[in-house]
């Protein structure tokens, strides 16, 4: 009887404890812990750096030089002829375009003439006069109605020197260049006594188109020797060239072309 009462007491105490545990103490769920943590602990502030402004260099505008216009030479219109009046008291008219060529006749002062051509060079002021035998005069002693550079180029080419029936052409023997100095020599063609036009006539005419100050100029040279030197510079747009004539009172033999020396 006493043992039954003891078991009854034990069971009663155990049941009471279980009841107190289930009803008396509240339980805390993990979600509540998490919620409480998130609401009670303020989030730490994070620093977000502002983007640093970058400076972009814009180059200042520079002055650009306008392109230089290259002048283009306008060709001078060509005319068939020009009228002119002689201003010299007596003007020699010659077979070739220069004072060393053979003499044909003289023009009187105030004579009216018709000019029909010029030399292939802008520097040489000799013009061709229309005549039964056309001849050359210096434009310095003419009053020309117009620009003589408008005349057609007729020499060399259309206008011819009279041919000598008695002498052969010469031949160029050598050409030599020393800087701008050119020297040429040729074979001797002896002149028979009495075949001079006068005591001042030169036996050889050397026609050269040479470069001077950037311009190709015509330069008729004359000599009784077998060699001659002249200046031929660099810088012309057209090649220099030349020829040698034998001159005697009846006309001209040749020409002998000059093999031009290289710079």
Foldseek 3Di string as FASTA:
>chain_A
DVVVVVVVVVVVVVVVVVVCVVPPDDDDDPVNVVVCVPPPDDDDDDDDDDDDDDDDDDDDDDDDDDDDDDDDDDDDAADQKWKKFFADQWWWWALDQDDQGHTDGIDGGRDIWIFGADAPFPVRQWTWTDDPQITITGPVRIGIDDDRSNHYHPPPPNRDWFADPPWAEKAKDDWDDDAQKIKTFIDDTDDDPPQAPDPPHFFKWKWKQADDPQGGHIDIDGHNDGMDMDGHHDRYPDDIWIWMWGDTNRIIHDTHTDPHDDD
